[in-house]
Amino acid sequence: MTILTFSPLDLTLVALIFVWTGFVRSGLGFGGAALGLPLLFLIEPRALYWLPIIGSHLLFFSALTLRTRIHNVDWAYLRQVSVYVIPAALIGIFGLISLPNHWLVLFIYSITLFYAGLWLLNLNIHSNHRWLDRILLIIGGYVAGTSLSGAPIMVAVFMRHIARHQLRNTMFVLWFLLVTIKMLTFVSFKVPLHLLSALLLLPVATIGHVAGLRLHDRILQHDQQFKRLIGGVLALISLIGLWHWYRSGF
């Protein structure tokens, strides 16, 4: 199955969603999957169809962005947190492969609704203790392994320890590492990577990526307003998706 089998309307909507995910990923430095998957599930509700495509794009755009910004990464802190994030992500990846699709969809809608509620109400996840940092990193790693949606949780920790101008690039390195592990696991378990679909969607994702890079500084200046807006939209979409999931008999 490729995106070419979709109806013209669905294909147009998928293209617009990937413009959006590319914009969020480069504009914020995280959140592309979290803000894109709930929309994509309304068109094709299979997690293992979309996640390899999004993973391929993450690898491509992370490498492209870091090509000229690799010097602006907090490597010391990245090594420090990897001992918590990577094992949790591995557990999440095996859960992704083994869990039934309807439970994965429920999990992703639920975590996205949680993020949407925080952003809509202008709330933030805070950590002021080392033990809480570790818990959030483990939870974020697990969520990232399961759905690529764990960045908003881990950012709460990263922001306390990394200079703001290094945050996006450091997150990109972490995502490149986690997605590489995920894609290799997919290959090992013979999960289709849908590379043709990923390649066909790459040009539209590039449009969003370039726009996000250009507006990154402006988005950071209006971070709270931006998050409140998308939080309200995501809450509505997640509730619609959960209702559809419930009506379909799980």
Foldseek 3Di string as FASTA:
>chain_A
DALVPADPVLSVQLLVLLLVLLQCCQQALADSQLLRVLSNCVRPQFLLVVPLLVLVLLLVVLCVVCVVVVVLAPVVVLVVLCVLQVVLLVVLQVCQVPPDSLVLSLVSLVVSLVLLVCLQVVHADADDDPVVLSVLSSVLSNCCSNGVRSVSSNVNNVVVPHDPVRVSSNSSVVSNVSSVVSVVVCVVVVRDSSVVNSVVSNVSSVNSNVNSNVCNVVCVVVVSVVSSVSSVVSNVSSVVSVVVSVVVVD
